[in-house]
């Protein structure tokens, strides 16, 4: 497992993985028309835009690559919220690698990066309420459910989302590696 910072050269592979992950995890949450229609182009534009500015101090993107193949990625925005701290905006793993520790490894790397940036920092994320597998994963890793609200999804539908937060990052890495 080799986790490293992503660059513009990774944009296509990240967009493809992001698309596959959404098509797998969000079936029944987002519309099939969106998942099978504009999603690939939507993700391609997003990742090209995000990775075109590699020196952004507030954003980092990490990828896990083995043998030249992207297996997972995480994208976070440092101090995105004055109360909740760093926003983990994306954490996606190739569906075939789910349950093998890769998500935990990426979360560990994100937590360590946040701690280096701000030793008292916090980490939070939003997840679709219907995404039960992801919710179980975050709860196993000690995420505290702090808020539930409705929001407009990328396909135009209203969906419920939940915020999970980790207030104590110093113990977070140990929790990830022992489970």
N, C-alpha and C. Protein backbone atom coordinates (compact mmCIF):
# COMPACT_ATOMS: atom_id res chain seq x y z
N UNK A 1 0.85 -1.17 0.00
CA UNK A 1 0.00 0.00 0.00
C UNK A 1 0.90 1.23 0.00
N UNK A 2 0.68 2.12 -0.97
CA UNK A 2 1.49 3.33 -1.07
C UNK A 2 0.56 4.54 -1.15
N UNK A 3 0.42 5.24 -0.02
CA UNK A 3 -0.40 6.45 0.00
C UNK A 3 0.51 7.63 -0.28
N UNK A 4 0.07 8.46 -1.23
CA UNK A 4 0.86 9.63 -1.62
C UNK A 4 -0.07 10.77 -1.98
N UNK A 5 0.51 11.96 -2.11
CA UNK A 5 -0.26 13.12 -2.55
C UNK A 5 -0.61 12.96 -4.02
N UNK A 6 -1.81 13.34 -4.37
CA UNK A 6 -2.26 13.26 -5.76
C UNK A 6 -1.78 14.48 -6.53
N UNK A 7 -1.66 14.32 -7.83
CA UNK A 7 -1.32 15.41 -8.74
C UNK A 7 -2.27 15.42 -9.92
N UNK A 8 -2.12 16.40 -10.77
CA UNK A 8 -3.00 16.54 -11.93
C UNK A 8 -3.00 15.27 -12.79
N UNK A 9 -1.89 14.56 -12.85
CA UNK A 9 -1.81 13.33 -13.64
C UNK A 9 -2.76 12.24 -13.11
N UNK A 10 -3.23 12.39 -11.87
CA UNK A 10 -4.15 11.42 -11.27
C UNK A 10 -5.61 11.75 -11.51
N UNK A 11 -5.91 12.90 -12.10
CA UNK A 11 -7.29 13.38 -12.21
C UNK A 11 -8.21 12.39 -12.92
N UNK A 12 -7.77 11.81 -14.02
CA UNK A 12 -8.63 10.89 -14.77
C UNK A 12 -8.92 9.64 -13.95
N UNK A 13 -7.90 9.05 -13.33
CA UNK A 13 -8.10 7.83 -12.54
C UNK A 13 -8.98 8.10 -11.32
N UNK A 14 -8.79 9.24 -10.68
CA UNK A 14 -9.63 9.60 -9.52
C UNK A 14 -11.08 9.78 -9.97
N UNK A 15 -11.28 10.49 -11.07
CA UNK A 15 -12.65 10.70 -11.57
C UNK A 15 -13.32 9.37 -11.91
N UNK A 16 -12.58 8.46 -12.51
CA UNK A 16 -13.15 7.15 -12.85
C UNK A 16 -13.51 6.36 -11.59
N UNK A 17 -12.63 6.36 -10.60
CA UNK A 17 -12.92 5.66 -9.35
C UNK A 17 -14.09 6.31 -8.62
N UNK A 18 -14.11 7.64 -8.59
CA UNK A 18 -15.21 8.37 -7.95
C UNK A 18 -16.53 8.00 -8.61
N UNK A 19 -16.56 7.94 -9.92
CA UNK A 19 -17.76 7.57 -10.67
C UNK A 19 -18.19 6.15 -10.32
N UNK A 20 -17.26 5.20 -10.38
CA UNK A 20 -17.59 3.80 -10.07
C UNK A 20 -18.10 3.66 -8.64
N UNK A 21 -17.47 4.37 -7.72
CA UNK A 21 -17.87 4.29 -6.32
C UNK A 21 -19.29 4.81 -6.12
N UNK A 22 -19.59 5.97 -6.72
CA UNK A 22 -20.95 6.52 -6.61
C UNK A 22 -21.96 5.59 -7.25
N UNK A 23 -21.63 5.04 -8.42
CA UNK A 23 -22.57 4.15 -9.10
C UNK A 23 -22.85 2.90 -8.27
N UNK A 24 -21.90 2.47 -7.48
CA UNK A 24 -22.08 1.31 -6.62
C UNK A 24 -22.78 1.68 -5.31
N UNK A 25 -22.28 2.68 -4.62
CA UNK A 25 -22.77 3.02 -3.27
C UNK A 25 -24.06 3.83 -3.27
N UNK A 26 -24.30 4.61 -4.31
CA UNK A 26 -25.43 5.54 -4.29
C UNK A 26 -26.63 5.08 -5.12
N UNK A 27 -26.59 3.83 -5.60
CA UNK A 27 -27.73 3.28 -6.33
C UNK A 27 -28.92 3.26 -5.36
N UNK A 28 -30.03 3.86 -5.76
CA UNK A 28 -31.19 3.95 -4.89
C UNK A 28 -31.20 5.21 -4.04
N UNK A 29 -30.09 5.93 -4.00
CA UNK A 29 -30.01 7.21 -3.27
C UNK A 29 -30.07 8.35 -4.28
N UNK A 30 -29.23 8.26 -5.31
CA UNK A 30 -29.25 9.21 -6.43
C UNK A 30 -29.94 8.52 -7.61
N UNK A 31 -30.48 9.31 -8.52
CA UNK A 31 -31.22 8.73 -9.64
C UNK A 31 -30.31 7.97 -10.60
N UNK A 32 -30.86 6.90 -11.17
CA UNK A 32 -30.11 6.13 -12.16
C UNK A 32 -29.76 7.00 -13.37
N UNK A 33 -30.67 7.90 -13.74
CA UNK A 33 -30.40 8.80 -14.87
C UNK A 33 -29.13 9.61 -14.63
N UNK A 34 -28.96 10.11 -13.41
CA UNK A 34 -27.75 10.88 -13.10
C UNK A 34 -26.53 9.97 -13.04
N UNK A 35 -26.65 8.83 -12.34
CA UNK A 35 -25.51 7.93 -12.17
C UNK A 35 -25.00 7.37 -13.49
N UNK A 36 -25.90 7.12 -14.43
CA UNK A 36 -25.51 6.56 -15.72
C UNK A 36 -25.35 7.63 -16.79
N UNK A 37 -25.76 8.85 -16.50
CA UNK A 37 -25.71 9.93 -17.50
C UNK A 37 -24.55 10.88 -17.28
N UNK A 38 -24.82 12.04 -16.67
CA UNK A 38 -23.80 13.09 -16.57
C UNK A 38 -22.73 12.87 -15.51
N UNK A 39 -22.88 11.87 -14.65
CA UNK A 39 -21.92 11.69 -13.55
C UNK A 39 -20.46 11.59 -14.01
N UNK A 40 -20.10 10.76 -14.99
CA UNK A 40 -18.68 10.67 -15.36
C UNK A 40 -18.08 12.02 -15.76
N UNK A 41 -18.80 12.80 -16.56
CA UNK A 41 -18.28 14.11 -16.97
C UNK A 41 -18.25 15.06 -15.78
N UNK A 42 -19.24 15.00 -14.92
CA UNK A 42 -19.29 15.81 -13.72
C UNK A 42 -18.06 15.56 -12.85
N UNK A 43 -17.71 14.31 -12.65
CA UNK A 43 -16.54 13.95 -11.82
C UNK A 43 -15.23 14.32 -12.53
N UNK A 44 -15.19 14.17 -13.85
CA UNK A 44 -13.97 14.53 -14.60
C UNK A 44 -13.67 16.01 -14.43
N UNK A 45 -14.68 16.85 -14.59
CA UNK A 45 -14.49 18.29 -14.44
C UNK A 45 -14.08 18.63 -13.01
N UNK A 46 -14.77 18.03 -12.03
CA UNK A 46 -14.45 18.29 -10.63
C UNK A 46 -12.99 18.00 -10.32
N UNK A 47 -12.49 16.83 -10.71
CA UNK A 47 -11.13 16.43 -10.34
C UNK A 47 -10.07 17.17 -11.15
N UNK A 48 -10.37 17.49 -12.38
CA UNK A 48 -9.42 18.31 -13.13
C UNK A 48 -9.29 19.68 -12.46
N UNK A 49 -10.41 20.25 -12.06
CA UNK A 49 -10.41 21.56 -11.41
C UNK A 49 -9.67 21.51 -10.08
N UNK A 50 -9.99 20.54 -9.25
CA UNK A 50 -9.37 20.45 -7.92
C UNK A 50 -7.86 20.22 -8.01
N UNK A 51 -7.44 19.39 -8.93
CA UNK A 51 -6.02 19.04 -9.00
C UNK A 51 -5.21 19.99 -9.87
N UNK A 52 -5.87 20.92 -10.55
CA UNK A 52 -5.15 21.89 -11.37
C UNK A 52 -4.43 22.92 -10.50
N UNK A 53 -4.82 23.02 -9.24
CA UNK A 53 -4.18 23.95 -8.30
C UNK A 53 -3.47 23.16 -7.20
N UNK A 54 -2.31 22.58 -7.50
CA UNK A 54 -1.66 21.68 -6.54
C UNK A 54 -1.13 22.36 -5.27
N UNK A 55 -0.96 23.63 -5.31
CA UNK A 55 -0.37 24.32 -4.16
C UNK A 55 -1.41 24.94 -3.22
N UNK A 56 -2.67 24.56 -3.34
CA UNK A 56 -3.69 25.10 -2.44
C UNK A 56 -3.38 24.68 -1.01
N UNK A 57 -3.25 25.64 -0.12
CA UNK A 57 -2.91 25.34 1.27
C UNK A 57 -4.09 24.73 2.03
N UNK A 58 -5.31 24.97 1.55
CA UNK A 58 -6.48 24.51 2.30
C UNK A 58 -6.98 23.14 1.86
N UNK A 59 -6.42 22.55 0.83
CA UNK A 59 -6.91 21.29 0.28
C UNK A 59 -5.77 20.29 0.14
N UNK A 60 -6.07 19.03 0.41
CA UNK A 60 -5.12 17.98 0.05
C UNK A 60 -5.88 16.76 -0.44
N UNK A 61 -5.26 16.08 -1.39
CA UNK A 61 -5.84 14.86 -1.96
C UNK A 61 -4.78 13.78 -1.86
N UNK A 62 -5.16 12.67 -1.26
CA UNK A 62 -4.27 11.53 -1.11
C UNK A 62 -4.80 10.36 -1.92
N UNK A 63 -3.91 9.59 -2.50
CA UNK A 63 -4.31 8.40 -3.25
C UNK A 63 -3.55 7.20 -2.74
N UNK A 64 -4.18 6.05 -2.84
CA UNK A 64 -3.52 4.79 -2.58
C UNK A 64 -3.34 4.12 -3.93
N UNK A 65 -2.10 3.78 -4.21
CA UNK A 65 -1.77 3.19 -5.51
C UNK A 65 -0.91 1.96 -5.27
N UNK A 66 -1.20 0.92 -6.00
CA UNK A 66 -0.38 -0.27 -5.95
C UNK A 66 -0.20 -0.80 -7.36
N UNK A 67 1.04 -1.00 -7.75
CA UNK A 67 1.33 -1.51 -9.08
C UNK A 67 0.80 -0.62 -10.19
N UNK A 68 0.79 0.71 -9.93
CA UNK A 68 0.31 1.66 -10.93
C UNK A 68 -1.20 1.76 -11.01
N UNK A 69 -1.92 1.08 -10.12
CA UNK A 69 -3.38 1.11 -10.13
C UNK A 69 -3.90 1.85 -8.91
N UNK A 70 -4.76 2.81 -9.15
CA UNK A 70 -5.38 3.57 -8.08
C UNK A 70 -6.42 2.68 -7.39
N UNK A 71 -6.29 2.55 -6.05
CA UNK A 71 -7.22 1.70 -5.31
C UNK A 71 -8.15 2.50 -4.40
N UNK A 72 -7.77 3.74 -4.10
CA UNK A 72 -8.60 4.57 -3.24
C UNK A 72 -8.06 5.98 -3.18
N UNK A 73 -8.89 6.91 -2.69
CA UNK A 73 -8.45 8.28 -2.55
C UNK A 73 -9.26 8.98 -1.46
N UNK A 74 -8.69 10.07 -0.97
CA UNK A 74 -9.36 10.92 0.01
C UNK A 74 -9.04 12.36 -0.34
N UNK A 75 -10.02 13.24 -0.16
CA UNK A 75 -9.84 14.67 -0.39
C UNK A 75 -10.38 15.40 0.82
N UNK A 76 -9.57 16.32 1.36
CA UNK A 76 -9.98 17.06 2.55
C UNK A 76 -9.66 18.54 2.39
N UNK A 77 -10.45 19.33 3.11
CA UNK A 77 -10.27 20.78 3.12
C UNK A 77 -10.01 21.21 4.56
N UNK A 78 -8.77 21.65 4.81
CA UNK A 78 -8.37 22.04 6.16
C UNK A 78 -9.16 23.24 6.64
N UNK A 79 -9.53 23.21 7.91
CA UNK A 79 -10.25 24.31 8.56
C UNK A 79 -11.41 24.83 7.71
N UNK A 80 -12.15 23.91 7.12
CA UNK A 80 -13.28 24.27 6.26
C UNK A 80 -14.42 24.89 7.05
N UNK A 81 -14.49 24.57 8.34
CA UNK A 81 -15.58 25.07 9.18
C UNK A 81 -14.99 25.52 10.52
N UNK A 82 -15.32 26.73 10.98
CA UNK A 82 -14.71 27.23 12.22
C UNK A 82 -15.04 26.36 13.44
N UNK A 83 -16.18 25.72 13.43
CA UNK A 83 -16.55 24.86 14.57
C UNK A 83 -16.07 23.43 14.39
N UNK A 84 -16.24 22.87 13.20
CA UNK A 84 -16.00 21.44 12.99
C UNK A 84 -14.64 21.12 12.39
N UNK A 85 -13.90 22.13 11.93
CA UNK A 85 -12.54 21.91 11.43
C UNK A 85 -12.49 21.38 10.02
N UNK A 86 -11.57 20.45 9.81
CA UNK A 86 -11.29 19.90 8.47
C UNK A 86 -12.48 19.09 7.96
N UNK A 87 -12.84 19.34 6.71
CA UNK A 87 -13.91 18.59 6.04
C UNK A 87 -13.29 17.49 5.19
N UNK A 88 -13.59 16.24 5.51
CA UNK A 88 -13.23 15.12 4.64
C UNK A 88 -14.35 15.04 3.61
N UNK A 89 -14.09 15.58 2.44
CA UNK A 89 -15.12 15.70 1.41
C UNK A 89 -15.29 14.42 0.61
N UNK A 90 -14.23 13.66 0.48
CA UNK A 90 -14.30 12.42 -0.31
C UNK A 90 -13.44 11.35 0.34
N UNK A 91 -13.96 10.16 0.40
CA UNK A 91 -13.20 8.96 0.77
C UNK A 91 -13.82 7.83 -0.03
N UNK A 92 -13.09 7.35 -1.02
CA UNK A 92 -13.62 6.32 -1.90
C UNK A 92 -12.56 5.25 -2.13
N UNK A 93 -13.02 4.02 -2.15
CA UNK A 93 -12.16 2.86 -2.36
C UNK A 93 -12.78 2.03 -3.48
N UNK A 94 -11.96 1.45 -4.32
CA UNK A 94 -12.45 0.55 -5.36
C UNK A 94 -13.36 -0.48 -4.67
N UNK A 95 -14.57 -0.67 -5.18
CA UNK A 95 -15.52 -1.58 -4.50
C UNK A 95 -14.93 -2.94 -4.13
N UNK A 96 -14.08 -3.51 -4.97
CA UNK A 96 -13.50 -4.83 -4.68
C UNK A 96 -12.55 -4.81 -3.48
N UNK A 97 -12.08 -3.63 -3.07
CA UNK A 97 -11.15 -3.52 -1.94
C UNK A 97 -11.83 -3.10 -0.64
N UNK A 98 -13.13 -2.90 -0.67
CA UNK A 98 -13.84 -2.53 0.56
C UNK A 98 -13.75 -3.68 1.56
N UNK A 99 -13.58 -3.31 2.83
CA UNK A 99 -13.49 -4.30 3.89
C UNK A 99 -12.11 -4.88 4.09
N UNK A 100 -11.11 -4.34 3.42
CA UNK A 100 -9.75 -4.87 3.52
C UNK A 100 -8.78 -3.91 4.21
N UNK A 101 -9.33 -2.85 4.83
CA UNK A 101 -8.49 -1.94 5.60
C UNK A 101 -8.01 -0.71 4.86
N UNK A 102 -8.28 -0.62 3.58
CA UNK A 102 -7.80 0.51 2.79
C UNK A 102 -8.46 1.82 3.22
N UNK A 103 -9.76 1.80 3.48
CA UNK A 103 -10.45 3.00 3.95
C UNK A 103 -9.88 3.48 5.28
N UNK A 104 -9.59 2.54 6.19
CA UNK A 104 -8.98 2.90 7.47
C UNK A 104 -7.61 3.52 7.26
N UNK A 105 -6.83 2.98 6.35
CA UNK A 105 -5.49 3.52 6.08
C UNK A 105 -5.60 4.95 5.55
N UNK A 106 -6.52 5.18 4.65
CA UNK A 106 -6.70 6.53 4.12
C UNK A 106 -7.18 7.48 5.22
N UNK A 107 -8.09 7.03 6.07
CA UNK A 107 -8.54 7.87 7.19
C UNK A 107 -7.39 8.19 8.13
N UNK A 108 -6.53 7.22 8.39
CA UNK A 108 -5.36 7.44 9.23
C UNK A 108 -4.47 8.52 8.63
N UNK A 109 -4.23 8.43 7.34
CA UNK A 109 -3.38 9.41 6.66
C UNK A 109 -4.01 10.80 6.72
N UNK A 110 -5.31 10.89 6.54
CA UNK A 110 -6.00 12.18 6.62
C UNK A 110 -5.88 12.74 8.03
N UNK A 111 -6.16 11.91 9.04
CA UNK A 111 -6.07 12.36 10.43
C UNK A 111 -4.67 12.86 10.77
N UNK A 112 -3.66 12.15 10.31
CA UNK A 112 -2.28 12.57 10.58
C UNK A 112 -1.97 13.91 9.91
N UNK A 113 -2.44 14.08 8.70
CA UNK A 113 -2.22 15.34 7.98
C UNK A 113 -2.92 16.49 8.70
N UNK A 114 -4.14 16.27 9.19
CA UNK A 114 -4.87 17.29 9.92
C UNK A 114 -4.13 17.62 11.22
N UNK A 115 -3.68 16.60 11.93
CA UNK A 115 -2.94 16.82 13.19
C UNK A 115 -1.67 17.62 12.96
N UNK A 116 -0.96 17.34 11.88
CA UNK A 116 0.26 18.11 11.58
C UNK A 116 -0.07 19.56 11.30
N UNK A 117 -1.19 19.79 10.65
CA UNK A 117 -1.61 21.15 10.33
C UNK A 117 -2.09 21.90 11.56
N UNK A 118 -2.82 21.20 12.45
CA UNK A 118 -3.38 21.82 13.64
C UNK A 118 -3.53 20.74 14.70
N UNK A 119 -2.61 20.67 15.67
CA UNK A 119 -2.66 19.61 16.69
C UNK A 119 -3.98 19.56 17.46
N UNK A 120 -4.72 20.65 17.50
CA UNK A 120 -6.01 20.67 18.19
C UNK A 120 -7.17 20.58 17.21
N UNK A 121 -6.87 20.28 15.96
CA UNK A 121 -7.89 20.27 14.91
C UNK A 121 -8.91 19.16 15.07
N UNK A 122 -10.01 19.35 14.37
CA UNK A 122 -11.10 18.38 14.33
C UNK A 122 -11.30 17.95 12.88
N UNK A 123 -12.00 16.85 12.72
CA UNK A 123 -12.29 16.31 11.40
C UNK A 123 -13.78 15.99 11.34
N UNK A 124 -14.42 16.36 10.23
CA UNK A 124 -15.83 16.01 10.05
C UNK A 124 -16.10 15.66 8.60
N UNK A 125 -17.24 15.03 8.38
CA UNK A 125 -17.67 14.67 7.03
C UNK A 125 -19.18 14.58 7.01
N UNK A 126 -19.71 14.60 5.80
CA UNK A 126 -21.15 14.42 5.57
C UNK A 126 -21.33 13.13 4.79
N UNK A 127 -22.37 12.37 5.12
CA UNK A 127 -22.67 11.12 4.44
C UNK A 127 -24.18 11.05 4.23
N UNK A 128 -24.59 10.46 3.11
CA UNK A 128 -26.02 10.27 2.88
C UNK A 128 -26.57 9.34 3.96
N UNK A 129 -27.69 9.73 4.54
CA UNK A 129 -28.30 8.95 5.61
C UNK A 129 -28.59 7.52 5.15
N UNK A 130 -28.98 7.35 3.90
CA UNK A 130 -29.29 6.02 3.37
C UNK A 130 -28.05 5.16 3.09
N UNK A 131 -26.87 5.74 3.14
CA UNK A 131 -25.63 5.01 2.87
C UNK A 131 -25.20 4.28 4.15
N UNK A 132 -25.92 3.19 4.45
CA UNK A 132 -25.74 2.49 5.72
C UNK A 132 -24.35 1.87 5.87
N UNK A 133 -23.78 1.37 4.80
CA UNK A 133 -22.44 0.77 4.89
C UNK A 133 -21.41 1.83 5.30
N UNK A 134 -21.47 3.00 4.69
CA UNK A 134 -20.53 4.06 5.05
C UNK A 134 -20.77 4.52 6.48
N UNK A 135 -22.01 4.64 6.89
CA UNK A 135 -22.32 5.06 8.26
C UNK A 135 -21.76 4.06 9.27
N UNK A 136 -21.91 2.78 9.01
CA UNK A 136 -21.35 1.76 9.93
C UNK A 136 -19.83 1.89 9.99
N UNK A 137 -19.20 2.12 8.85
CA UNK A 137 -17.75 2.29 8.80
C UNK A 137 -17.31 3.46 9.68
N UNK A 138 -17.94 4.62 9.50
CA UNK A 138 -17.56 5.80 10.28
C UNK A 138 -17.85 5.63 11.76
N UNK A 139 -18.92 4.94 12.09
CA UNK A 139 -19.24 4.69 13.49
C UNK A 139 -18.23 3.73 14.12
N UNK A 140 -17.80 2.71 13.38
CA UNK A 140 -16.76 1.80 13.90
C UNK A 140 -15.47 2.55 14.18
N UNK A 141 -15.22 3.61 13.41
CA UNK A 141 -14.00 4.39 13.59
C UNK A 141 -14.16 5.53 14.60
N UNK A 142 -15.26 5.52 15.32
CA UNK A 142 -15.44 6.48 16.40
C UNK A 142 -16.07 7.79 16.02
N UNK A 143 -16.61 7.90 14.83
CA UNK A 143 -17.28 9.13 14.41
C UNK A 143 -18.55 9.35 15.23
N UNK A 144 -18.72 10.57 15.70
CA UNK A 144 -19.92 10.93 16.47
C UNK A 144 -20.90 11.63 15.55
N UNK A 145 -22.13 11.15 15.52
CA UNK A 145 -23.18 11.78 14.74
C UNK A 145 -23.53 13.10 15.42
N UNK A 146 -23.37 14.20 14.70
CA UNK A 146 -23.58 15.51 15.32
C UNK A 146 -24.73 16.31 14.70
N UNK A 147 -25.14 15.94 13.50
CA UNK A 147 -26.18 16.72 12.84
C UNK A 147 -26.81 15.91 11.71
N UNK A 148 -28.09 16.17 11.49
CA UNK A 148 -28.83 15.55 10.39
C UNK A 148 -29.60 16.68 9.72
N UNK A 149 -29.57 16.73 8.38
CA UNK A 149 -30.32 17.76 7.65
C UNK A 149 -30.62 17.28 6.24
N UNK A 150 -31.53 17.99 5.60
CA UNK A 150 -31.85 17.72 4.20
C UNK A 150 -31.02 18.66 3.34
N UNK A 151 -30.58 18.18 2.19
CA UNK A 151 -29.87 19.03 1.24
C UNK A 151 -30.16 18.58 -0.17
N UNK A 152 -29.84 19.43 -1.11
CA UNK A 152 -30.04 19.14 -2.53
C UNK A 152 -28.86 18.30 -3.02
N UNK A 153 -29.14 17.14 -3.57
CA UNK A 153 -28.10 16.25 -4.10
C UNK A 153 -27.71 16.69 -5.51
N UNK A 154 -26.59 16.18 -6.02
CA UNK A 154 -26.15 16.56 -7.37
C UNK A 154 -27.15 16.22 -8.48
N UNK A 155 -28.04 15.25 -8.22
CA UNK A 155 -29.04 14.91 -9.24
C UNK A 155 -30.30 15.76 -9.13
N UNK A 156 -30.32 16.71 -8.18
CA UNK A 156 -31.45 17.61 -8.02
C UNK A 156 -32.48 17.16 -7.00
N UNK A 157 -32.36 15.95 -6.47
CA UNK A 157 -33.29 15.45 -5.46
C UNK A 157 -32.88 15.94 -4.07
N UNK A 158 -33.86 16.00 -3.18
CA UNK A 158 -33.55 16.33 -1.79
C UNK A 158 -33.25 15.03 -1.05
N UNK A 159 -32.12 15.00 -0.34
CA UNK A 159 -31.71 13.81 0.41
C UNK A 159 -31.33 14.24 1.83
N UNK A 160 -31.39 13.29 2.74
CA UNK A 160 -30.94 13.54 4.11
C UNK A 160 -29.47 13.19 4.23
N UNK A 161 -28.73 14.06 4.90
CA UNK A 161 -27.31 13.84 5.14
C UNK A 161 -27.05 13.91 6.64
N UNK A 162 -25.98 13.25 7.05
CA UNK A 162 -25.57 13.20 8.45
C UNK A 162 -24.13 13.65 8.55
N UNK A 163 -23.85 14.46 9.59
CA UNK A 163 -22.46 14.87 9.84
C UNK A 163 -21.89 13.96 10.94
N UNK A 164 -20.71 13.41 10.67
CA UNK A 164 -19.93 12.70 11.67
C UNK A 164 -18.71 13.56 11.99
N UNK A 165 -18.33 13.56 13.26
CA UNK A 165 -17.19 14.38 13.68
C UNK A 165 -16.26 13.56 14.57
N UNK A 166 -14.98 13.86 14.44
CA UNK A 166 -13.95 13.32 15.32
C UNK A 166 -13.28 14.53 15.96
N UNK A 167 -13.47 14.67 17.27
CA UNK A 167 -12.92 15.82 17.99
C UNK A 167 -11.50 15.57 18.47
N UNK A 168 -11.18 14.33 18.76
CA UNK A 168 -9.87 13.99 19.31
C UNK A 168 -9.08 13.22 18.27
N UNK A 169 -8.21 13.91 17.55
CA UNK A 169 -7.46 13.25 16.48
C UNK A 169 -6.24 12.50 16.98
N UNK A 170 -5.73 12.85 18.16
CA UNK A 170 -4.51 12.20 18.64
C UNK A 170 -4.70 10.70 18.82
N UNK A 171 -5.88 10.25 19.22
CA UNK A 171 -6.13 8.83 19.37
C UNK A 171 -6.72 8.18 18.15
N UNK A 172 -7.04 8.97 17.15
CA UNK A 172 -7.73 8.47 15.98
C UNK A 172 -6.86 7.48 15.19
N UNK A 173 -5.61 7.81 14.96
CA UNK A 173 -4.76 6.94 14.16
C UNK A 173 -4.61 5.58 14.83
N UNK A 174 -4.46 5.55 16.15
CA UNK A 174 -4.35 4.27 16.86
C UNK A 174 -5.60 3.44 16.72
N UNK A 175 -6.76 4.08 16.78
CA UNK A 175 -8.04 3.37 16.64
C UNK A 175 -8.12 2.74 15.25
N UNK A 176 -7.70 3.48 14.23
CA UNK A 176 -7.81 2.95 12.87
C UNK A 176 -6.93 1.74 12.66
N UNK A 177 -5.72 1.77 13.18
CA UNK A 177 -4.79 0.70 12.89
C UNK A 177 -5.04 -0.55 13.72
N UNK A 178 -5.84 -0.43 14.81
CA UNK A 178 -6.07 -1.61 15.65
C UNK A 178 -7.35 -2.33 15.31
N UNK A 179 -8.19 -1.80 14.46
CA UNK A 179 -9.46 -2.48 14.14
C UNK A 179 -9.33 -3.29 12.89
